[in-house]
């Protein structure tokens, strides 16, 4: 049985690329259907934290959630991100 945990997939990615740095684009390709959920979870967890934050921050963080959701509903395999973000 193959282990498909996130940590295992990322470790395999690191070994297969043999590079010092791994870009967001590499990670997205390694996690084809899971990259939507991973990105959405980052934005959702920040909003869900029980800490005071700036007014309007929840709206600012909801925008990427809406855009990622629309991409997922439209049937995209990978989320669209600007090239600058993919290369980091």
PDB file of N, CA and C in Angstrom:
ATOM      1  N   UNK A   1       0.828  -1.171   0.000  1.00  0.00           N
ATOM      2  CA  UNK A   1       0.000   0.000   0.000  1.00  0.00           C
ATOM      3  C   UNK A   1       0.887   1.253   0.000  1.00  0.00           C
ATOM      4  N   UNK A   2       0.556   2.201  -0.835  1.00  0.00           N
ATOM      5  CA  UNK A   2       1.342   3.410  -0.957  1.00  0.00           C
ATOM      6  C   UNK A   2       0.848   4.469   0.011  1.00  0.00           C
ATOM      7  N   UNK A   3       1.796   5.147   0.647  1.00  0.00           N
ATOM      8  CA  UNK A   3       1.453   6.192   1.603  1.00  0.00           C
ATOM      9  C   UNK A   3       1.245   7.499   0.847  1.00  0.00           C
ATOM     10  N   UNK A   4       0.027   8.055   0.889  1.00  0.00           N
ATOM     11  CA  UNK A   4      -0.301   9.272   0.156  1.00  0.00           C
ATOM     12  C   UNK A   4      -0.518  10.460   1.087  1.00  0.00           C
ATOM     13  N   UNK A   5       0.228  10.517   2.180  1.00  0.00           N
ATOM     14  CA  UNK A   5       0.084  11.659   3.074  1.00  0.00           C
ATOM     15  C   UNK A   5       0.795  12.867   2.466  1.00  0.00           C
ATOM     16  N   UNK A   6       0.394  14.049   2.886  1.00  0.00           N
ATOM     17  CA  UNK A   6       0.992  15.276   2.372  1.00  0.00           C
ATOM     18  C   UNK A   6       2.493  15.313   2.638  1.00  0.00           C
ATOM     19  N   UNK A   7       2.898  14.938   3.829  1.00  0.00           N
ATOM     20  CA  UNK A   7       4.324  14.975   4.166  1.00  0.00           C
ATOM     21  C   UNK A   7       5.123  14.014   3.298  1.00  0.00           C
ATOM     22  N   UNK A   8       4.577  12.846   3.002  1.00  0.00           N
ATOM     23  CA  UNK A   8       5.269  11.887   2.144  1.00  0.00           C
ATOM     24  C   UNK A   8       5.396  12.405   0.720  1.00  0.00           C
ATOM     25  N   UNK A   9       4.305  13.004   0.204  1.00  0.00           N
ATOM     26  CA  UNK A   9       4.351  13.537  -1.152  1.00  0.00           C
ATOM     27  C   UNK A   9       5.359  14.676  -1.271  1.00  0.00           C
ATOM     28  N   UNK A  10       5.418  15.550  -0.265  1.00  0.00           N
ATOM     29  CA  UNK A  10       6.379  16.646  -0.299  1.00  0.00           C
ATOM     30  C   UNK A  10       7.813  16.145  -0.164  1.00  0.00           C
ATOM     31  N   UNK A  11       8.036  15.134   0.654  1.00  0.00           N
ATOM     32  CA  UNK A  11       9.376  14.556   0.791  1.00  0.00           C
ATOM     33  C   UNK A  11       9.808  13.907  -0.519  1.00  0.00           C
ATOM     34  N   UNK A  12       8.898  13.185  -1.172  1.00  0.00           N
ATOM     35  CA  UNK A  12       9.202  12.584  -2.471  1.00  0.00           C
ATOM     36  C   UNK A  12       9.513  13.650  -3.514  1.00  0.00           C
ATOM     37  N   UNK A  13       8.788  14.750  -3.472  1.00  0.00           N
ATOM     38  CA  UNK A  13       9.021  15.857  -4.394  1.00  0.00           C
ATOM     39  C   UNK A  13      10.425  16.419  -4.194  1.00  0.00           C
ATOM     40  N   UNK A  14      10.800  16.638  -2.954  1.00  0.00           N
ATOM     41  CA  UNK A  14      12.136  17.158  -2.650  1.00  0.00           C
ATOM     42  C   UNK A  14      13.243  16.249  -3.129  1.00  0.00           C
ATOM     43  N   UNK A  15      13.059  14.945  -2.964  1.00  0.00           N
ATOM     44  CA  UNK A  15      14.073  13.992  -3.423  1.00  0.00           C
ATOM     45  C   UNK A  15      14.128  13.927  -4.944  1.00  0.00           C
ATOM     46  N   UNK A  16      12.992  14.018  -5.606  1.00  0.00           N
ATOM     47  CA  UNK A  16      12.964  13.863  -7.060  1.00  0.00           C
ATOM     48  C   UNK A  16      13.513  15.080  -7.802  1.00  0.00           C
ATOM     49  N   UNK A  17      13.416  16.268  -7.228  1.00  0.00           N
ATOM     50  CA  UNK A  17      13.871  17.471  -7.927  1.00  0.00           C
ATOM     51  C   UNK A  17      15.361  17.734  -7.778  1.00  0.00           C
ATOM     52  N   UNK A  18      15.960  17.286  -6.694  1.00  0.00           N
ATOM     53  CA  UNK A  18      17.386  17.498  -6.445  1.00  0.00           C
ATOM     54  C   UNK A  18      17.780  18.963  -6.610  1.00  0.00           C
ATOM     55  N   UNK A  19      16.983  19.856  -6.051  1.00  0.00           N
ATOM     56  CA  UNK A  19      17.270  21.288  -6.082  1.00  0.00           C
ATOM     57  C   UNK A  19      17.271  21.811  -4.661  1.00  0.00           C
ATOM     58  N   UNK A  20      17.945  22.955  -4.484  1.00  0.00           N
ATOM     59  CA  UNK A  20      17.959  23.556  -3.153  1.00  0.00           C
ATOM     60  C   UNK A  20      16.629  24.206  -2.818  1.00  0.00           C
ATOM     61  N   UNK A  21      15.968  24.771  -3.827  1.00  0.00           N
ATOM     62  CA  UNK A  21      14.686  25.432  -3.594  1.00  0.00           C
ATOM     63  C   UNK A  21      13.609  24.763  -4.441  1.00  0.00           C
ATOM     64  N   UNK A  22      12.414  24.756  -3.902  1.00  0.00           N
ATOM     65  CA  UNK A  22      11.257  24.197  -4.601  1.00  0.00           C
ATOM     66  C   UNK A  22      10.218  25.302  -4.683  1.00  0.00           C
ATOM     67  N   UNK A  23       9.713  25.546  -5.881  1.00  0.00           N
ATOM     68  CA  UNK A  23       8.752  26.634  -6.068  1.00  0.00           C
ATOM     69  C   UNK A  23       7.331  26.179  -5.748  1.00  0.00           C
ATOM     70  N   UNK A  24       6.441  27.151  -5.606  1.00  0.00           N
ATOM     71  CA  UNK A  24       5.029  26.861  -5.375  1.00  0.00           C
ATOM     72  C   UNK A  24       4.469  26.072  -6.562  1.00  0.00           C
ATOM     73  N   UNK A  25       4.919  26.401  -7.772  1.00  0.00           N
ATOM     74  CA  UNK A  25       4.488  25.682  -8.968  1.00  0.00           C
ATOM     75  C   UNK A  25       4.840  24.205  -8.915  1.00  0.00           C
ATOM     76  N   UNK A  26       6.042  23.870  -8.418  1.00  0.00           N
ATOM     77  CA  UNK A  26       6.439  22.463  -8.265  1.00  0.00           C
ATOM     78  C   UNK A  26       5.513  21.745  -7.288  1.00  0.00           C
ATOM     79  N   UNK A  27       5.207  22.410  -6.190  1.00  0.00           N
ATOM     80  CA  UNK A  27       4.342  21.800  -5.180  1.00  0.00           C
ATOM     81  C   UNK A  27       2.939  21.575  -5.742  1.00  0.00           C
ATOM     82  N   UNK A  28       2.442  22.563  -6.498  1.00  0.00           N
ATOM     83  CA  UNK A  28       1.104  22.431  -7.078  1.00  0.00           C
ATOM     84  C   UNK A  28       1.035  21.258  -8.063  1.00  0.00           C
ATOM     85  N   UNK A  29       2.098  21.055  -8.828  1.00  0.00           N
ATOM     86  CA  UNK A  29       2.109  19.935  -9.777  1.00  0.00           C
ATOM     87  C   UNK A  29       2.218  18.594  -9.064  1.00  0.00           C
ATOM     88  N   UNK A  30       2.906  18.575  -7.916  1.00  0.00           N
ATOM     89  CA  UNK A  30       3.053  17.329  -7.164  1.00  0.00           C
ATOM     90  C   UNK A  30       1.764  16.937  -6.466  1.00  0.00           C
ATOM     91  N   UNK A  31       0.922  17.920  -6.159  1.00  0.00           N
ATOM     92  CA  UNK A  31      -0.347  17.674  -5.475  1.00  0.00           C
ATOM     93  C   UNK A  31      -1.484  18.117  -6.392  1.00  0.00           C
ATOM     94  N   UNK A  32      -1.708  17.410  -7.488  1.00  0.00           N
ATOM     95  CA  UNK A  32      -2.610  17.921  -8.523  1.00  0.00           C
ATOM     96  C   UNK A  32      -3.996  18.314  -8.037  1.00  0.00           C
ATOM     97  N   UNK A  33      -4.705  17.467  -7.350  1.00  0.00           N
ATOM     98  CA  UNK A  33      -6.057  17.820  -6.924  1.00  0.00           C
ATOM     99  C   UNK A  33      -6.065  18.378  -5.510  1.00  0.00           C
ATOM    100  N   UNK A  34      -5.027  18.153  -4.744  1.00  0.00           N
ATOM    101  CA  UNK A  34      -4.995  18.615  -3.369  1.00  0.00           C
ATOM    102  C   UNK A  34      -4.517  20.038  -3.201  1.00  0.00           C
ATOM    103  N   UNK A  35      -3.966  20.637  -4.260  1.00  0.00           N
ATOM    104  CA  UNK A  35      -3.434  21.981  -4.110  1.00  0.00           C
ATOM    105  C   UNK A  35      -4.540  23.011  -3.894  1.00  0.00           C
ATOM    106  N   UNK A  36      -5.732  22.780  -4.445  1.00  0.00           N
ATOM    107  CA  UNK A  36      -6.848  23.687  -4.181  1.00  0.00           C
ATOM    108  C   UNK A  36      -7.162  23.702  -2.695  1.00  0.00           C
ATOM    109  N   UNK A  37      -7.319  22.528  -2.135  1.00  0.00           N
ATOM    110  CA  UNK A  37      -7.696  22.427  -0.733  1.00  0.00           C
ATOM    111  C   UNK A  37      -6.609  22.984   0.176  1.00  0.00           C
ATOM    112  N   UNK A  38      -5.356  22.757  -0.187  1.00  0.00           N
ATOM    113  CA  UNK A  38      -4.253  23.246   0.625  1.00  0.00           C
ATOM    114  C   UNK A  38      -4.233  24.774   0.639  1.00  0.00           C
ATOM    115  N   UNK A  39      -4.394  25.402  -0.525  1.00  0.00           N
ATOM    116  CA  UNK A  39      -4.411  26.857  -0.592  1.00  0.00           C
ATOM    117  C   UNK A  39      -5.626  27.440   0.126  1.00  0.00           C
ATOM    118  N   UNK A  40      -6.768  26.815  -0.048  1.00  0.00           N
ATOM    119  CA  UNK A  40      -7.981  27.296   0.604  1.00  0.00           C
ATOM    120  C   UNK A  40      -7.871  27.175   2.123  1.00  0.00           C
ATOM    121  N   UNK A  41      -7.237  26.115   2.570  1.00  0.00           N
ATOM    122  CA  UNK A  41      -7.079  25.897   4.010  1.00  0.00           C
ATOM    123  C   UNK A  41      -6.218  26.997   4.635  1.00  0.00           C
ATOM    124  N   UNK A  42      -5.193  27.445   3.938  1.00  0.00           N
ATOM    125  CA  UNK A  42      -4.329  28.505   4.465  1.00  0.00           C
ATOM    126  C   UNK A  42      -5.144  29.765   4.723  1.00  0.00           C
ATOM    127  N   UNK A  43      -5.937  30.190   3.730  1.00  0.00           N
ATOM    128  CA  UNK A  43      -6.734  31.403   3.896  1.00  0.00           C
ATOM    129  C   UNK A  43      -7.834  31.211   4.941  1.00  0.00           C
ATOM    130  N   UNK A  44      -8.454  30.052   4.975  1.00  0.00           N
ATOM    131  CA  UNK A  44      -9.549  29.805   5.913  1.00  0.00           C
ATOM    132  C   UNK A  44      -9.048  29.732   7.358  1.00  0.00           C
ATOM    133  N   UNK A  45      -7.896  29.136   7.574  1.00  0.00           N
ATOM    134  CA  UNK A  45      -7.371  29.021   8.938  1.00  0.00           C
ATOM    135  C   UNK A  45      -7.019  30.376   9.530  1.00  0.00           C
ATOM    136  N   UNK A  46      -6.515  31.269   8.699  1.00  0.00           N
ATOM    137  CA  UNK A  46      -6.170  32.600   9.206  1.00  0.00           C
ATOM    138  C   UNK A  46      -7.426  33.308   9.703  1.00  0.00           C
ATOM    139  N   UNK A  47      -8.496  33.205   8.933  1.00  0.00           N
ATOM    140  CA  UNK A  47      -9.756  33.851   9.321  1.00  0.00           C
ATOM    141  C   UNK A  47     -10.356  33.172  10.550  1.00  0.00           C
ATOM    142  N   UNK A  48     -10.166  31.874  10.692  1.00  0.00           N
ATOM    143  CA  UNK A  48     -10.781  31.118  11.780  1.00  0.00           C
ATOM    144  C   UNK A  48     -10.053  31.266  13.112  1.00  0.00           C
ATOM    145  N   UNK A  49      -8.844  31.787  13.108  1.00  0.00           N
ATOM    146  CA  UNK A  49      -8.102  31.940  14.355  1.00  0.00           C
ATOM    147  C   UNK A  49      -8.821  32.912  15.287  1.00  0.00           C
ATOM    148  N   UNK A  50      -8.930  32.564  16.561  1.00  0.00           N
ATOM    149  CA  UNK A  50      -9.646  33.430  17.511  1.00  0.00           C
ATOM    150  C   UNK A  50      -8.765  34.555  18.054  1.00  0.00           C
ATOM    151  N   UNK A  51      -8.207  35.336  17.152  1.00  0.00           N
ATOM    152  CA  UNK A  51      -7.385  36.466  17.566  1.00  0.00           C
ATOM    153  C   UNK A  51      -7.953  37.738  16.942  1.00  0.00           C
ATOM    154  N   UNK A  52      -7.780  38.858  17.594  1.00  0.00           N
ATOM    155  CA  UNK A  52      -8.256  40.107  16.989  1.00  0.00           C
ATOM    156  C   UNK A  52      -7.366  40.469  15.801  1.00  0.00           C
ATOM    157  N   UNK A  53      -7.989  40.905  14.768  1.00  0.00           N
ATOM    158  CA  UNK A  53      -7.231  41.335  13.597  1.00  0.00           C
ATOM    159  C   UNK A  53      -7.882  42.574  13.015  1.00  0.00           C
ATOM    160  N   UNK A  54      -7.248  43.140  12.038  1.00  0.00           N
ATOM    161  CA  UNK A  54      -7.703  44.398  11.456  1.00  0.00           C
ATOM    162  C   UNK A  54      -9.076  44.264  10.816  1.00  0.00           C
ATOM    163  N   UNK A  55      -9.911  45.281  10.956  1.00  0.00           N
ATOM    164  CA  UNK A  55     -11.200  45.260  10.275  1.00  0.00           C
ATOM    165  C   UNK A  55     -10.994  45.192   8.760  1.00  0.00           C
ATOM    166  N   UNK A  56     -11.766  44.367   8.112  1.00  0.00           N
ATOM    167  CA  UNK A  56     -11.647  44.207   6.667  1.00  0.00           C
ATOM    168  C   UNK A  56     -10.731  43.081   6.244  1.00  0.00           C
ATOM    169  N   UNK A  57      -9.963  42.542   7.198  1.00  0.00           N
ATOM    170  CA  UNK A  57      -9.036  41.459   6.848  1.00  0.00           C
ATOM    171  C   UNK A  57      -9.792  40.209   6.402  1.00  0.00           C
ATOM    172  N   UNK A  58     -10.922  39.938   7.033  1.00  0.00           N
ATOM    173  CA  UNK A  58     -11.690  38.755   6.640  1.00  0.00           C
ATOM    174  C   UNK A  58     -12.203  38.892   5.208  1.00  0.00           C
ATOM    175  N   UNK A  59     -12.582  40.086   4.804  1.00  0.00           N
ATOM    176  CA  UNK A  59     -13.014  40.308   3.415  1.00  0.00           C
ATOM    177  C   UNK A  59     -11.846  40.134   2.469  1.00  0.00           C
ATOM    178  N   UNK A  60     -10.704  40.650   2.845  1.00  0.00           N
ATOM    179  CA  UNK A  60      -9.509  40.523   2.018  1.00  0.00           C
ATOM    180  C   UNK A  60      -9.124  39.052   1.834  1.00  0.00           C
ATOM    181  N   UNK A  61      -9.212  38.260   2.889  1.00  0.00           N
ATOM    182  CA  UNK A  61      -8.859  36.848   2.811  1.00  0.00           C
ATOM    183  C   UNK A  61      -9.963  36.000   2.186  1.00  0.00           C
ATOM    184  N   UNK A  62     -11.190  36.495   2.193  1.00  0.00           N
ATOM    185  CA  UNK A  62     -12.293  35.761   1.563  1.00  0.00           C
ATOM    186  C   UNK A  62     -12.205  35.835   0.045  1.00  0.00           C
ATOM    187  N   UNK A  63     -11.616  36.886  -0.484  1.00  0.00           N
ATOM    188  CA  UNK A  63     -11.516  37.045  -1.937  1.00  0.00           C
ATOM    189  C   UNK A  63     -10.759  35.882  -2.589  1.00  0.00           C
ATOM    190  N   UNK A  64      -9.568  35.511  -2.108  1.00  0.00           N
ATOM    191  CA  UNK A  64      -8.904  34.355  -2.713  1.00  0.00           C
ATOM    192  C   UNK A  64      -9.699  33.057  -2.530  1.00  0.00           C
ATOM    193  N   UNK A  65     -10.403  32.925  -1.405  1.00  0.00           N
ATOM    194  CA  UNK A  65     -11.229  31.738  -1.194  1.00  0.00           C
ATOM    195  C   UNK A  65     -12.321  31.644  -2.260  1.00  0.00           C
ATOM    196  N   UNK A  66     -12.951  32.764  -2.549  1.00  0.00           N
ATOM    197  CA  UNK A  66     -13.998  32.781  -3.575  1.00  0.00           C
ATOM    198  C   UNK A  66     -13.400  32.462  -4.947  1.00  0.00           C
ATOM    199  N   UNK A  67     -12.269  33.075  -5.269  1.00  0.00           N
ATOM    200  CA  UNK A  67     -11.644  32.834  -6.572  1.00  0.00           C
ATOM    201  C   UNK A  67     -11.200  31.378  -6.728  1.00  0.00           C
ATOM    202  N   UNK A  68     -10.622  30.807  -5.683  1.00  0.00           N
ATOM    203  CA  UNK A  68     -10.217  29.398  -5.737  1.00  0.00           C
ATOM    204  C   UNK A  68     -11.432  28.488  -5.861  1.00  0.00           C
ATOM    205  N   UNK A  69     -12.510  28.823  -5.153  1.00  0.00           N
ATOM    206  CA  UNK A  69     -13.733  28.023  -5.237  1.00  0.00           C
ATOM    207  C   UNK A  69     -14.313  28.048  -6.643  1.00  0.00           C
ATOM    208  N   UNK A  70     -14.342  29.224  -7.254  1.00  0.00           N
ATOM    209  CA  UNK A  70     -14.865  29.337  -8.620  1.00  0.00           C
ATOM    210  C   UNK A  70     -14.013  28.541  -9.614  1.00  0.00           C
ATOM    211  N   UNK A  71     -12.702  28.556  -9.415  1.00  0.00           N
ATOM    212  CA  UNK A  71     -11.827  27.774 -10.288  1.00  0.00           C
ATOM    213  C   UNK A  71     -12.091  26.278 -10.130  1.00  0.00           C
ATOM    214  N   UNK A  72     -12.283  25.861  -8.895  1.00  0.00           N
ATOM    215  CA  UNK A  72     -12.546  24.442  -8.616  1.00  0.00           C
ATOM    216  C   UNK A  72     -13.878  24.010  -9.227  1.00  0.00           C
ATOM    217  N   UNK A  73     -14.898  24.863  -9.080  1.00  0.00           N
ATOM    218  CA  UNK A  73     -16.217  24.554  -9.629  1.00  0.00           C
ATOM    219  C   UNK A  73     -16.169  24.485 -11.147  1.00  0.00           C
ATOM    220  N   UNK A  74     -15.345  25.345 -11.764  1.00  0.00           N
ATOM    221  CA  UNK A  74     -15.258  25.362 -13.228  1.00  0.00           C
ATOM    222  C   UNK A  74     -14.501  24.159 -13.782  1.00  0.00           C
ATOM    223  N   UNK A  75     -13.913  23.343 -12.916  1.00  0.00           N
ATOM    224  CA  UNK A  75     -13.288  22.106 -13.354  1.00  0.00           C
ATOM    225  C   UNK A  75     -11.795  22.179 -13.610  1.00  0.00           C
ATOM    226  N   UNK A  76     -11.149  23.232 -13.164  1.00  0.00           N
ATOM    227  CA  UNK A  76      -9.694  23.326 -13.355  1.00  0.00           C
ATOM    228  C   UNK A  76      -8.990  22.248 -12.525  1.00  0.00           C
ATOM    229  N   UNK A  77      -7.917  21.681 -13.097  1.00  0.00           N
ATOM    230  CA  UNK A  77      -7.141  20.680 -12.368  1.00  0.00           C
ATOM    231  C   UNK A  77      -6.180  21.321 -11.374  1.00  0.00           C
ATOM    232  N   UNK A  78      -5.633  22.460 -11.743  1.00  0.00           N
ATOM    233  CA  UNK A  78      -4.717  23.185 -10.871  1.00  0.00           C
ATOM    234  C   UNK A  78      -5.219  24.604 -10.694  1.00  0.00           C
ATOM    235  N   UNK A  79      -5.040  25.180  -9.524  1.00  0.00           N
ATOM    236  CA  UNK A  79      -5.462  26.562  -9.348  1.00  0.00           C
ATOM    237  C   UNK A  79      -4.592  27.498 -10.176  1.00  0.00           C
ATOM    238  N   UNK A  80      -5.209  28.555 -10.701  1.00  0.00           N
ATOM    239  CA  UNK A  80      -4.442  29.566 -11.402  1.00  0.00           C
ATOM    240  C   UNK A  80      -3.864  30.521 -10.378  1.00  0.00           C
ATOM    241  N   UNK A  81      -2.584  30.761 -10.487  1.00  0.00           N
ATOM    242  CA  UNK A  81      -1.902  31.739  -9.651  1.00  0.00           C
ATOM    243  C   UNK A  81      -1.025  32.587 -10.570  1.00  0.00           C
ATOM    244  N   UNK A  82      -0.790  33.841 -10.219  1.00  0.00           N
ATOM    245  CA  UNK A  82       0.121  34.652 -11.018  1.00  0.00           C
ATOM    246  C   UNK A  82       1.506  33.987 -11.092  1.00  0.00           C
ATOM    247  N   UNK A  83       2.191  34.197 -12.207  1.00  0.00           N
ATOM    248  CA  UNK A  83       3.488  33.562 -12.436  1.00  0.00           C
ATOM    249  C   UNK A  83       4.501  33.920 -11.336  1.00  0.00           C
ATOM    250  N   UNK A  84       4.463  35.148 -10.821  1.00  0.00           N
ATOM    251  CA  UNK A  84       5.393  35.550  -9.764  1.00  0.00           C
ATOM    252  C   UNK A  84       5.244  34.681  -8.525  1.00  0.00           C
ATOM    253  N   UNK A  85       4.012  34.324  -8.187  1.00  0.00           N
ATOM    254  CA  UNK A  85       3.774  33.482  -7.015  1.00  0.00           C
ATOM    255  C   UNK A  85       4.218  32.050  -7.290  1.00  0.00           C
ATOM    256  N   UNK A  86       3.960  31.544  -8.494  1.00  0.00           N
ATOM    257  CA  UNK A  86       4.344  30.172  -8.827  1.00  0.00           C
ATOM    258  C   UNK A  86       5.860  29.978  -8.780  1.00  0.00           C
ATOM    259  N   UNK A  87       6.604  31.022  -9.106  1.00  0.00           N
ATOM    260  CA  UNK A  87       8.068  30.899  -9.152  1.00  0.00           C
ATOM    261  C   UNK A  87       8.722  31.035  -7.794  1.00  0.00           C
ATOM    262  N   UNK A  88       7.982  31.451  -6.779  1.00  0.00           N
ATOM    263  CA  UNK A  88       8.575  31.644  -5.437  1.00  0.00           C
ATOM    264  C   UNK A  88       8.593  30.363  -4.663  1.00  0.00           C
TER     265      UNK A  88
END
